Amino acid sequence: MAGQKSRQYFEDLFVLEMANNHWGSIERGLKIIHDHAAIARKNNVKAAIKLQFRDVDEFIHPNFKGNTDLRYVKKTEDTRLDREGFSVMVEAIKAAGCIPMATPFDEAR
């Protein structure tokens, strides 16, 4: 029974990847959520909006923190959101009628 319920949950599910395209801005993240949800509603699809959770302080090695010469270090630091910011976006995803999903990059989140 549990396996069947899991299959039903994921059947015909579209995963809309937001990742860190919020660029560290809750306002930008909310706009992406709004736009993704509008497309899902227009096309009458079951959609999940997927975030990426990172504890930036633990994710970047201390020797590389603040290094703007390394593109991925700068991007990761620039897309930092705290737990409250993620919570706001998760609640917005739910309110928009979509399913929140996440890729965890570390144990802290």
PDB file of N, CA and C in Angstrom:
ATOM      1  N   MET A   1       0.829  -1.202   0.000  1.00  0.00           N
ATOM      2  CA  MET A   1       0.000   0.000   0.000  1.00  0.00           C
ATOM      3  C   MET A   1       0.869   1.260   0.000  1.00  0.00           C
ATOM      4  N   ALA A   2       1.905   1.277   0.863  1.00  0.00           N
ATOM      5  CA  ALA A   2       2.762   2.464   0.938  1.00  0.00           C
ATOM      6  C   ALA A   2       3.486   2.709  -0.383  1.00  0.00           C
ATOM      7  N   GLY A   3       3.942   1.633  -1.034  1.00  0.00           N
ATOM      8  CA  GLY A   3       4.618   1.774  -2.320  1.00  0.00           C
ATOM      9  C   GLY A   3       3.707   2.327  -3.392  1.00  0.00           C
ATOM     10  N   GLN A   4       2.453   1.883  -3.371  1.00  0.00           N
ATOM     11  CA  GLN A   4       1.480   2.379  -4.348  1.00  0.00           C
ATOM     12  C   GLN A   4       1.194   3.853  -4.123  1.00  0.00           C
ATOM     13  N   LYS A   5       1.069   4.252  -2.854  1.00  0.00           N
ATOM     14  CA  LYS A   5       0.828   5.661  -2.542  1.00  0.00           C
ATOM     15  C   LYS A   5       2.007   6.521  -3.010  1.00  0.00           C
ATOM     16  N   SER A   6       3.234   6.036  -2.813  1.00  0.00           N
ATOM     17  CA  SER A   6       4.416   6.767  -3.275  1.00  0.00           C
ATOM     18  C   SER A   6       4.402   6.929  -4.779  1.00  0.00           C
ATOM     19  N   ARG A   7       4.050   5.863  -5.483  1.00  0.00           N
ATOM     20  CA  ARG A   7       3.993   5.949  -6.949  1.00  0.00           C
ATOM     21  C   ARG A   7       2.944   6.957  -7.390  1.00  0.00           C
ATOM     22  N   GLN A   8       1.799   6.981  -6.713  1.00  0.00           N
ATOM     23  CA  GLN A   8       0.754   7.935  -7.066  1.00  0.00           C
ATOM     24  C   GLN A   8       1.226   9.366  -6.817  1.00  0.00           C
ATOM     25  N   TYR A   9       1.974   9.555  -5.758  1.00  0.00           N
ATOM     26  CA  TYR A   9       2.459  10.887  -5.421  1.00  0.00           C
ATOM     27  C   TYR A   9       3.381  11.421  -6.509  1.00  0.00           C
ATOM     28  N   PHE A  10       4.219  10.555  -7.062  1.00  0.00           N
ATOM     29  CA  PHE A  10       5.198  10.994  -8.057  1.00  0.00           C
ATOM     30  C   PHE A  10       4.725  10.826  -9.496  1.00  0.00           C
ATOM     31  N   GLU A  11       3.617  10.146  -9.690  1.00  0.00           N
ATOM     32  CA  GLU A  11       3.102   9.936 -11.040  1.00  0.00           C
ATOM     33  C   GLU A  11       2.708  11.274 -11.667  1.00  0.00           C
ATOM     34  N   ASP A  12       3.179  11.502 -12.870  1.00  0.00           N
ATOM     35  CA  ASP A  12       2.886  12.722 -13.625  1.00  0.00           C
ATOM     36  C   ASP A  12       3.342  13.994 -12.909  1.00  0.00           C
ATOM     37  N   LEU A  13       4.355  13.881 -12.098  1.00  0.00           N
ATOM     38  CA  LEU A  13       4.882  15.043 -11.371  1.00  0.00           C
ATOM     39  C   LEU A  13       5.943  15.748 -12.221  1.00  0.00           C
ATOM     40  N   PHE A  14       5.771  17.039 -12.398  1.00  0.00           N
ATOM     41  CA  PHE A  14       6.772  17.859 -13.072  1.00  0.00           C
ATOM     42  C   PHE A  14       7.611  18.537 -11.995  1.00  0.00           C
ATOM     43  N   VAL A  15       8.922  18.417 -12.088  1.00  0.00           N
ATOM     44  CA  VAL A  15       9.821  19.058 -11.131  1.00  0.00           C
ATOM     45  C   VAL A  15      10.422  20.283 -11.810  1.00  0.00           C
ATOM     46  N   LEU A  16      10.091  21.444 -11.255  1.00  0.00           N
ATOM     47  CA  LEU A  16      10.578  22.716 -11.796  1.00  0.00           C
ATOM     48  C   LEU A  16      11.747  23.153 -10.920  1.00  0.00           C
ATOM     49  N   GLU A  17      12.919  23.121 -11.473  1.00  0.00           N
ATOM     50  CA  GLU A  17      14.155  23.371 -10.730  1.00  0.00           C
ATOM     51  C   GLU A  17      14.408  24.863 -10.591  1.00  0.00           C
ATOM     52  N   MET A  18      14.369  25.350  -9.353  1.00  0.00           N
ATOM     53  CA  MET A  18      14.754  26.736  -9.110  1.00  0.00           C
ATOM     54  C   MET A  18      16.221  26.798  -8.711  1.00  0.00           C
ATOM     55  N   ALA A  19      16.679  25.770  -8.010  1.00  0.00           N
ATOM     56  CA  ALA A  19      18.053  25.723  -7.526  1.00  0.00           C
ATOM     57  C   ALA A  19      18.371  26.995  -6.756  1.00  0.00           C
ATOM     58  N   ASN A  20      19.433  27.673  -7.141  1.00  0.00           N
ATOM     59  CA  ASN A  20      19.817  28.924  -6.488  1.00  0.00           C
ATOM     60  C   ASN A  20      19.608  30.119  -7.411  1.00  0.00           C
ATOM     61  N   ASN A  21      18.677  29.991  -8.343  1.00  0.00           N
ATOM     62  CA  ASN A  21      18.386  31.090  -9.258  1.00  0.00           C
ATOM     63  C   ASN A  21      17.700  32.262  -8.581  1.00  0.00           C
ATOM     64  N   HIS A  22      17.442  32.141  -7.294  1.00  0.00           N
ATOM     65  CA  HIS A  22      16.927  33.280  -6.525  1.00  0.00           C
ATOM     66  C   HIS A  22      18.037  34.304  -6.291  1.00  0.00           C
ATOM     67  N   TRP A  23      19.274  33.907  -6.511  1.00  0.00           N
ATOM     68  CA  TRP A  23      20.457  34.760  -6.368  1.00  0.00           C
ATOM     69  C   TRP A  23      20.586  35.363  -4.968  1.00  0.00           C
ATOM     70  N   GLY A  24      20.042  34.691  -3.973  1.00  0.00           N
ATOM     71  CA  GLY A  24      20.118  35.202  -2.603  1.00  0.00           C
ATOM     72  C   GLY A  24      19.051  36.233  -2.274  1.00  0.00           C
ATOM     73  N   SER A  25      18.102  36.445  -3.176  1.00  0.00           N
ATOM     74  CA  SER A  25      17.042  37.431  -2.998  1.00  0.00           C
ATOM     75  C   SER A  25      15.700  36.728  -2.816  1.00  0.00           C
ATOM     76  N   ILE A  26      15.078  36.925  -1.673  1.00  0.00           N
ATOM     77  CA  ILE A  26      13.765  36.332  -1.441  1.00  0.00           C
ATOM     78  C   ILE A  26      12.762  36.876  -2.457  1.00  0.00           C
ATOM     79  N   GLU A  27      12.824  38.162  -2.765  1.00  0.00           N
ATOM     80  CA  GLU A  27      11.891  38.753  -3.734  1.00  0.00           C
ATOM     81  C   GLU A  27      12.016  38.068  -5.090  1.00  0.00           C
ATOM     82  N   ARG A  28      13.245  37.849  -5.542  1.00  0.00           N
ATOM     83  CA  ARG A  28      13.459  37.163  -6.829  1.00  0.00           C
ATOM     84  C   ARG A  28      12.944  35.730  -6.738  1.00  0.00           C
ATOM     85  N   GLY A  29      13.215  35.059  -5.625  1.00  0.00           N
ATOM     86  CA  GLY A  29      12.731  33.694  -5.430  1.00  0.00           C
ATOM     87  C   GLY A  29      11.219  33.618  -5.478  1.00  0.00           C
ATOM     88  N   LEU A  30      10.549  34.578  -4.825  1.00  0.00           N
ATOM     89  CA  LEU A  30       9.081  34.596  -4.831  1.00  0.00           C
ATOM     90  C   LEU A  30       8.528  34.829  -6.233  1.00  0.00           C
ATOM     91  N   LYS A  31       9.209  35.652  -7.018  1.00  0.00           N
ATOM     92  CA  LYS A  31       8.769  35.876  -8.399  1.00  0.00           C
ATOM     93  C   LYS A  31       8.908  34.596  -9.219  1.00  0.00           C
ATOM     94  N   ILE A  32      10.011  33.888  -9.038  1.00  0.00           N
ATOM     95  CA  ILE A  32      10.205  32.622  -9.757  1.00  0.00           C
ATOM     96  C   ILE A  32       9.114  31.631  -9.358  1.00  0.00           C
ATOM     97  N   ILE A  33       8.821  31.541  -8.066  1.00  0.00           N
ATOM     98  CA  ILE A  33       7.771  30.641  -7.583  1.00  0.00           C
ATOM     99  C   ILE A  33       6.436  31.016  -8.213  1.00  0.00           C
ATOM    100  N   HIS A  34       6.108  32.295  -8.190  1.00  0.00           N
ATOM    101  CA  HIS A  34       4.858  32.779  -8.782  1.00  0.00           C
ATOM    102  C   HIS A  34       4.782  32.404 -10.262  1.00  0.00           C
ATOM    103  N   ASP A  35       5.862  32.646 -10.999  1.00  0.00           N
ATOM    104  CA  ASP A  35       5.879  32.365 -12.433  1.00  0.00           C
ATOM    105  C   ASP A  35       5.781  30.865 -12.712  1.00  0.00           C
ATOM    106  N   HIS A  36       6.527  30.051 -11.954  1.00  0.00           N
ATOM    107  CA  HIS A  36       6.457  28.595 -12.125  1.00  0.00           C
ATOM    108  C   HIS A  36       5.042  28.091 -11.845  1.00  0.00           C
ATOM    109  N   ALA A  37       4.451  28.576 -10.751  1.00  0.00           N
ATOM    110  CA  ALA A  37       3.107  28.123 -10.368  1.00  0.00           C
ATOM    111  C   ALA A  37       2.079  28.526 -11.421  1.00  0.00           C
ATOM    112  N   ALA A  38       2.224  29.697 -11.986  1.00  0.00           N
ATOM    113  CA  ALA A  38       1.287  30.151 -13.025  1.00  0.00           C
ATOM    114  C   ALA A  38       1.354  29.231 -14.248  1.00  0.00           C
ATOM    115  N   ILE A  39       2.534  28.823 -14.619  1.00  0.00           N
ATOM    116  CA  ILE A  39       2.697  27.904 -15.753  1.00  0.00           C
ATOM    117  C   ILE A  39       2.084  26.547 -15.428  1.00  0.00           C
ATOM    118  N   ALA A  40       2.311  26.074 -14.202  1.00  0.00           N
ATOM    119  CA  ALA A  40       1.739  24.781 -13.800  1.00  0.00           C
ATOM    120  C   ALA A  40       0.211  24.834 -13.838  1.00  0.00           C
ATOM    121  N   ARG A  41      -0.362  25.919 -13.313  1.00  0.00           N
ATOM    122  CA  ARG A  41      -1.830  26.053 -13.324  1.00  0.00           C
ATOM    123  C   ARG A  41      -2.369  26.146 -14.747  1.00  0.00           C
ATOM    124  N   LYS A  42      -1.714  26.945 -15.575  1.00  0.00           N
ATOM    125  CA  LYS A  42      -2.168  27.126 -16.962  1.00  0.00           C
ATOM    126  C   LYS A  42      -2.189  25.803 -17.715  1.00  0.00           C
ATOM    127  N   ASN A  43      -1.233  24.941 -17.402  1.00  0.00           N
ATOM    128  CA  ASN A  43      -1.133  23.657 -18.100  1.00  0.00           C
ATOM    129  C   ASN A  43      -1.746  22.498 -17.315  1.00  0.00           C
ATOM    130  N   ASN A  44      -2.353  22.837 -16.167  1.00  0.00           N
ATOM    131  CA  ASN A  44      -3.038  21.846 -15.337  1.00  0.00           C
ATOM    132  C   ASN A  44      -2.140  20.639 -15.012  1.00  0.00           C
ATOM    133  N   VAL A  45      -0.940  20.936 -14.517  1.00  0.00           N
ATOM    134  CA  VAL A  45      -0.014  19.866 -14.154  1.00  0.00           C
ATOM    135  C   VAL A  45       0.298  19.911 -12.656  1.00  0.00           C
ATOM    136  N   LYS A  46       0.610  18.755 -12.129  1.00  0.00           N
ATOM    137  CA  LYS A  46       1.092  18.644 -10.750  1.00  0.00           C
ATOM    138  C   LYS A  46       2.575  18.991 -10.786  1.00  0.00           C
ATOM    139  N   ALA A  47       2.953  20.005 -10.024  1.00  0.00           N
ATOM    140  CA  ALA A  47       4.334  20.478 -10.108  1.00  0.00           C
ATOM    141  C   ALA A  47       4.964  20.615  -8.729  1.00  0.00           C
ATOM    142  N   ALA A  48       6.241  20.298  -8.692  1.00  0.00           N
ATOM    143  CA  ALA A  48       7.070  20.558  -7.515  1.00  0.00           C
ATOM    144  C   ALA A  48       8.077  21.624  -7.919  1.00  0.00           C
ATOM    145  N   ILE A  49       8.375  22.510  -6.988  1.00  0.00           N
ATOM    146  CA  ILE A  49       9.420  23.515  -7.216  1.00  0.00           C
ATOM    147  C   ILE A  49      10.577  23.136  -6.299  1.00  0.00           C
ATOM    148  N   LYS A  50      11.733  22.908  -6.919  1.00  0.00           N
ATOM    149  CA  LYS A  50      12.879  22.367  -6.186  1.00  0.00           C
ATOM    150  C   LYS A  50      13.928  23.431  -5.902  1.00  0.00           C
ATOM    151  N   LEU A  51      14.267  23.533  -4.631  1.00  0.00           N
ATOM    152  CA  LEU A  51      15.314  24.438  -4.147  1.00  0.00           C
ATOM    153  C   LEU A  51      16.586  23.636  -3.878  1.00  0.00           C
ATOM    154  N   GLN A  52      17.664  24.327  -3.570  1.00  0.00           N
ATOM    155  CA  GLN A  52      18.890  23.693  -3.101  1.00  0.00           C
ATOM    156  C   GLN A  52      19.229  24.288  -1.751  1.00  0.00           C
ATOM    157  N   PHE A  53      19.317  23.434  -0.741  1.00  0.00           N
ATOM    158  CA  PHE A  53      19.658  23.882   0.607  1.00  0.00           C
ATOM    159  C   PHE A  53      21.149  23.682   0.840  1.00  0.00           C
ATOM    160  N   ARG A  54      21.818  24.758   1.229  1.00  0.00           N
ATOM    161  CA  ARG A  54      23.249  24.690   1.541  1.00  0.00           C
ATOM    162  C   ARG A  54      23.528  25.498   2.791  1.00  0.00           C
ATOM    163  N   ASP A  55      24.340  24.954   3.649  1.00  0.00           N
ATOM    164  CA  ASP A  55      24.892  25.722   4.761  1.00  0.00           C
ATOM    165  C   ASP A  55      26.208  26.282   4.240  1.00  0.00           C
ATOM    166  N   VAL A  56      26.160  27.486   3.702  1.00  0.00           N
ATOM    167  CA  VAL A  56      27.307  28.076   3.006  1.00  0.00           C
ATOM    168  C   VAL A  56      28.535  28.138   3.910  1.00  0.00           C
ATOM    169  N   ASP A  57      28.336  28.406   5.189  1.00  0.00           N
ATOM    170  CA  ASP A  57      29.478  28.487   6.101  1.00  0.00           C
ATOM    171  C   ASP A  57      30.208  27.156   6.218  1.00  0.00           C
ATOM    172  N   GLU A  58      29.495  26.060   6.069  1.00  0.00           N
ATOM    173  CA  GLU A  58      30.114  24.736   6.131  1.00  0.00           C
ATOM    174  C   GLU A  58      30.477  24.205   4.742  1.00  0.00           C
ATOM    175  N   PHE A  59      29.774  24.666   3.722  1.00  0.00           N
ATOM    176  CA  PHE A  59      29.939  24.145   2.368  1.00  0.00           C
ATOM    177  C   PHE A  59      31.262  24.585   1.744  1.00  0.00           C
ATOM    178  N   ILE A  60      31.670  25.819   1.996  1.00  0.00           N
ATOM    179  CA  ILE A  60      32.908  26.347   1.415  1.00  0.00           C
ATOM    180  C   ILE A  60      34.049  26.167   2.414  1.00  0.00           C
ATOM    181  N   HIS A  61      35.119  25.591   1.964  1.00  0.00           N
ATOM    182  CA  HIS A  61      36.292  25.382   2.811  1.00  0.00           C
ATOM    183  C   HIS A  61      36.788  26.739   3.318  1.00  0.00           C
ATOM    184  N   PRO A  62      37.168  26.819   4.593  1.00  0.00           N
ATOM    185  CA  PRO A  62      37.612  28.101   5.163  1.00  0.00           C
ATOM    186  C   PRO A  62      38.721  28.794   4.371  1.00  0.00           C
ATOM    187  N   ASN A  63      39.580  28.047   3.727  1.00  0.00           N
ATOM    188  CA  ASN A  63      40.672  28.658   2.956  1.00  0.00           C
ATOM    189  C   ASN A  63      40.186  29.386   1.699  1.00  0.00           C
ATOM    190  N   PHE A  64      38.946  29.124   1.298  1.00  0.00           N
ATOM    191  CA  PHE A  64      38.433  29.710   0.053  1.00  0.00           C
ATOM    192  C   PHE A  64      37.315  30.724   0.266  1.00  0.00           C
ATOM    193  N   LYS A  65      36.846  30.868   1.493  1.00  0.00           N
ATOM    194  CA  LYS A  65      35.754  31.816   1.766  1.00  0.00           C
ATOM    195  C   LYS A  65      36.162  33.228   1.352  1.00  0.00           C
ATOM    196  N   GLY A  66      35.260  33.916   0.684  1.00  0.00           N
ATOM    197  CA  GLY A  66      35.522  35.290   0.266  1.00  0.00           C
ATOM    198  C   GLY A  66      36.372  35.416  -0.981  1.00  0.00           C
ATOM    199  N   ASN A  67      36.756  34.318  -1.597  1.00  0.00           N
ATOM    200  CA  ASN A  67      37.598  34.349  -2.783  1.00  0.00           C
ATOM    201  C   ASN A  67      36.735  34.643  -4.004  1.00  0.00           C
ATOM    202  N   THR A  68      36.761  35.877  -4.456  1.00  0.00           N
ATOM    203  CA  THR A  68      35.936  36.284  -5.594  1.00  0.00           C
ATOM    204  C   THR A  68      36.541  35.884  -6.940  1.00  0.00           C
ATOM    205  N   ASP A  69      37.784  35.397  -6.931  1.00  0.00           N
ATOM    206  CA  ASP A  69      38.409  34.926  -8.167  1.00  0.00           C
ATOM    207  C   ASP A  69      37.868  33.564  -8.594  1.00  0.00           C
ATOM    208  N   LEU A  70      37.344  32.822  -7.625  1.00  0.00           N
ATOM    209  CA  LEU A  70      36.776  31.503  -7.931  1.00  0.00           C
ATOM    210  C   LEU A  70      35.271  31.664  -8.144  1.00  0.00           C
ATOM    211  N   ARG A  71      34.860  31.537  -9.383  1.00  0.00           N
ATOM    212  CA  ARG A  71      33.479  31.798  -9.785  1.00  0.00           C
ATOM    213  C   ARG A  71      32.458  31.058  -8.926  1.00  0.00           C
ATOM    214  N   TYR A  72      32.679  29.790  -8.657  1.00  0.00           N
ATOM    215  CA  TYR A  72      31.687  29.001  -7.928  1.00  0.00           C
ATOM    216  C   TYR A  72      31.647  29.357  -6.446  1.00  0.00           C
ATOM    217  N   VAL A  73      32.773  29.771  -5.895  1.00  0.00           N
ATOM    218  CA  VAL A  73      32.776  30.226  -4.500  1.00  0.00           C
ATOM    219  C   VAL A  73      31.980  31.518  -4.401  1.00  0.00           C
ATOM    220  N   LYS A  74      32.241  32.463  -5.296  1.00  0.00           N
ATOM    221  CA  LYS A  74      31.511  33.730  -5.285  1.00  0.00           C
ATOM    222  C   LYS A  74      30.014  33.492  -5.476  1.00  0.00           C
ATOM    223  N   LYS A  75      29.648  32.651  -6.445  1.00  0.00           N
ATOM    224  CA  LYS A  75      28.235  32.374  -6.717  1.00  0.00           C
ATOM    225  C   LYS A  75      27.565  31.752  -5.488  1.00  0.00           C
ATOM    226  N   THR A  76      28.222  30.803  -4.871  1.00  0.00           N
ATOM    227  CA  THR A  76      27.653  30.148  -3.695  1.00  0.00           C
ATOM    228  C   THR A  76      27.470  31.146  -2.558  1.00  0.00           C
ATOM    229  N   GLU A  77      28.462  31.976  -2.331  1.00  0.00           N
ATOM    230  CA  GLU A  77      28.336  32.976  -1.259  1.00  0.00           C
ATOM    231  C   GLU A  77      27.257  34.013  -1.592  1.00  0.00           C
ATOM    232  N   ASP A  78      27.143  34.379  -2.855  1.00  0.00           N
ATOM    233  CA  ASP A  78      26.145  35.377  -3.266  1.00  0.00           C
ATOM    234  C   ASP A  78      24.713  34.855  -3.193  1.00  0.00           C
ATOM    235  N   THR A  79      24.537  33.537  -3.220  1.00  0.00           N
ATOM    236  CA  THR A  79      23.188  32.968  -3.192  1.00  0.00           C
ATOM    237  C   THR A  79      22.798  32.496  -1.789  1.00  0.00           C
ATOM    238  N   ARG A  80      23.497  32.976  -0.789  1.00  0.00           N
ATOM    239  CA  ARG A  80      23.217  32.591   0.600  1.00  0.00           C
ATOM    240  C   ARG A  80      21.817  33.045   1.011  1.00  0.00           C
ATOM    241  N   LEU A  81      21.078  32.130   1.615  1.00  0.00           N
ATOM    242  CA  LEU A  81      19.798  32.446   2.256  1.00  0.00           C
ATOM    243  C   LEU A  81      19.801  31.793   3.630  1.00  0.00           C
ATOM    244  N   ASP A  82      19.201  32.451   4.600  1.00  0.00           N
ATOM    245  CA  ASP A  82      19.095  31.848   5.923  1.00  0.00           C
ATOM    246  C   ASP A  82      17.854  30.962   5.985  1.00  0.00           C
ATOM    247  N   ARG A  83      17.689  30.281   7.101  1.00  0.00           N
ATOM    248  CA  ARG A  83      16.541  29.365   7.256  1.00  0.00           C
ATOM    249  C   ARG A  83      15.211  30.090   7.080  1.00  0.00           C
ATOM    250  N   GLU A  84      15.136  31.300   7.587  1.00  0.00           N
ATOM    251  CA  GLU A  84      13.898  32.074   7.458  1.00  0.00           C
ATOM    252  C   GLU A  84      13.571  32.346   5.990  1.00  0.00           C
ATOM    253  N   GLY A  85      14.582  32.687   5.206  1.00  0.00           N
ATOM    254  CA  GLY A  85      14.378  32.924   3.778  1.00  0.00           C
ATOM    255  C   GLY A  85      13.874  31.684   3.064  1.00  0.00           C
ATOM    256  N   PHE A  86      14.485  30.533   3.382  1.00  0.00           N
ATOM    257  CA  PHE A  86      14.015  29.283   2.795  1.00  0.00           C
ATOM    258  C   PHE A  86      12.593  28.982   3.237  1.00  0.00           C
ATOM    259  N   SER A  87      12.280  29.235   4.506  1.00  0.00           N
ATOM    260  CA  SER A  87      10.929  28.983   5.020  1.00  0.00           C
ATOM    261  C   SER A  87       9.895  29.821   4.284  1.00  0.00           C
ATOM    262  N   VAL A  88      10.234  31.079   4.019  1.00  0.00           N
ATOM    263  CA  VAL A  88       9.318  31.966   3.283  1.00  0.00           C
ATOM    264  C   VAL A  88       9.046  31.381   1.898  1.00  0.00           C
ATOM    265  N   MET A  89      10.099  30.910   1.238  1.00  0.00           N
ATOM    266  CA  MET A  89       9.913  30.368  -0.110  1.00  0.00           C
ATOM    267  C   MET A  89       9.150  29.043  -0.085  1.00  0.00           C
ATOM    268  N   VAL A  90       9.420  28.194   0.892  1.00  0.00           N
ATOM    269  CA  VAL A  90       8.694  26.924   0.992  1.00  0.00           C
ATOM    270  C   VAL A  90       7.200  27.186   1.208  1.00  0.00           C
ATOM    271  N   GLU A  91       6.883  28.119   2.093  1.00  0.00           N
ATOM    272  CA  GLU A  91       5.467  28.444   2.330  1.00  0.00           C
ATOM    273  C   GLU A  91       4.821  29.043   1.086  1.00  0.00           C
ATOM    274  N   ALA A  92       5.569  29.832   0.328  1.00  0.00           N
ATOM    275  CA  ALA A  92       5.040  30.407  -0.921  1.00  0.00           C
ATOM    276  C   ALA A  92       4.781  29.315  -1.953  1.00  0.00           C
ATOM    277  N   ILE A  93       5.645  28.325  -2.007  1.00  0.00           N
ATOM    278  CA  ILE A  93       5.454  27.196  -2.929  1.00  0.00           C
ATOM    279  C   ILE A  93       4.159  26.464  -2.580  1.00  0.00           C
ATOM    280  N   LYS A  94       3.968  26.186  -1.303  1.00  0.00           N
ATOM    281  CA  LYS A  94       2.745  25.504  -0.860  1.00  0.00           C
ATOM    282  C   LYS A  94       1.509  26.356  -1.168  1.00  0.00           C
ATOM    283  N   ALA A  95       1.582  27.643  -0.855  1.00  0.00           N
ATOM    284  CA  ALA A  95       0.445  28.541  -1.080  1.00  0.00           C
ATOM    285  C   ALA A  95       0.102  28.643  -2.565  1.00  0.00           C
ATOM    286  N   ALA A  96       1.089  28.460  -3.423  1.00  0.00           N
ATOM    287  CA  ALA A  96       0.872  28.532  -4.871  1.00  0.00           C
ATOM    288  C   ALA A  96       0.320  27.227  -5.436  1.00  0.00           C
ATOM    289  N   GLY A  97       0.118  26.229  -4.562  1.00  0.00           N
ATOM    290  CA  GLY A  97      -0.441  24.963  -5.008  1.00  0.00           C
ATOM    291  C   GLY A  97       0.571  23.992  -5.566  1.00  0.00           C
ATOM    292  N   CYS A  98       1.846  24.230  -5.293  1.00  0.00           N
ATOM    293  CA  CYS A  98       2.902  23.341  -5.763  1.00  0.00           C
ATOM    294  C   CYS A  98       3.503  22.588  -4.570  1.00  0.00           C
ATOM    295  N   ILE A  99       4.337  21.640  -4.875  1.00  0.00           N
ATOM    296  CA  ILE A  99       4.981  20.811  -3.861  1.00  0.00           C
ATOM    297  C   ILE A  99       6.417  21.286  -3.678  1.00  0.00           C
ATOM    298  N   PRO A 100       6.827  21.616  -2.453  1.00  0.00           N
ATOM    299  CA  PRO A 100       8.224  21.999  -2.236  1.00  0.00           C
ATOM    300  C   PRO A 100       9.125  20.761  -2.219  1.00  0.00           C
ATOM    301  N   MET A 101      10.256  20.866  -2.910  1.00  0.00           N
ATOM    302  CA  MET A 101      11.283  19.820  -2.918  1.00  0.00           C
ATOM    303  C   MET A 101      12.617  20.510  -2.695  1.00  0.00           C
ATOM    304  N   ALA A 102      13.619  19.725  -2.311  1.00  0.00           N
ATOM    305  CA  ALA A 102      14.942  20.310  -2.114  1.00  0.00           C
ATOM    306  C   ALA A 102      16.033  19.276  -2.339  1.00  0.00           C
ATOM    307  N   THR A 103      17.175  19.771  -2.781  1.00  0.00           N
ATOM    308  CA  THR A 103      18.384  19.003  -2.812  1.00  0.00           C
ATOM    309  C   THR A 103      19.218  19.470  -1.623  1.00  0.00           C
ATOM    310  N   PRO A 104      19.443  18.610  -0.629  1.00  0.00           N
ATOM    311  CA  PRO A 104      20.297  19.006   0.496  1.00  0.00           C
ATOM    312  C   PRO A 104      21.771  18.761   0.121  1.00  0.00           C
ATOM    313  N   PHE A 105      22.608  19.739   0.401  1.00  0.00           N
ATOM    314  CA  PHE A 105      24.017  19.609   0.074  1.00  0.00           C
ATOM    315  C   PHE A 105      24.865  19.285   1.293  1.00  0.00           C
ATOM    316  N   ASP A 106      24.272  19.304   2.463  1.00  0.00           N
ATOM    317  CA  ASP A 106      25.032  19.027   3.668  1.00  0.00           C
ATOM    318  C   ASP A 106      24.079  18.577   4.759  1.00  0.00           C
ATOM    319  N   GLU A 107      24.612  18.175   5.875  1.00  0.00           N
ATOM    320  CA  GLU A 107      23.788  17.653   6.959  1.00  0.00           C
ATOM    321  C   GLU A 107      23.097  18.745   7.769  1.00  0.00           C
ATOM    322  N   ALA A 108      23.600  19.949   7.737  1.00  0.00           N
ATOM    323  CA  ALA A 108      23.061  21.019   8.590  1.00  0.00           C
ATOM    324  C   ALA A 108      21.656  21.434   8.195  1.00  0.00           C
ATOM    325  N   ARG A 109      21.314  21.404   6.944  1.00  0.00           N
ATOM    326  CA  ARG A 109      19.988  21.842   6.490  1.00  0.00           C
ATOM    327  C   ARG A 109      19.028  20.712   6.624  1.00  0.00           C
TER     328      ARG A 109
END
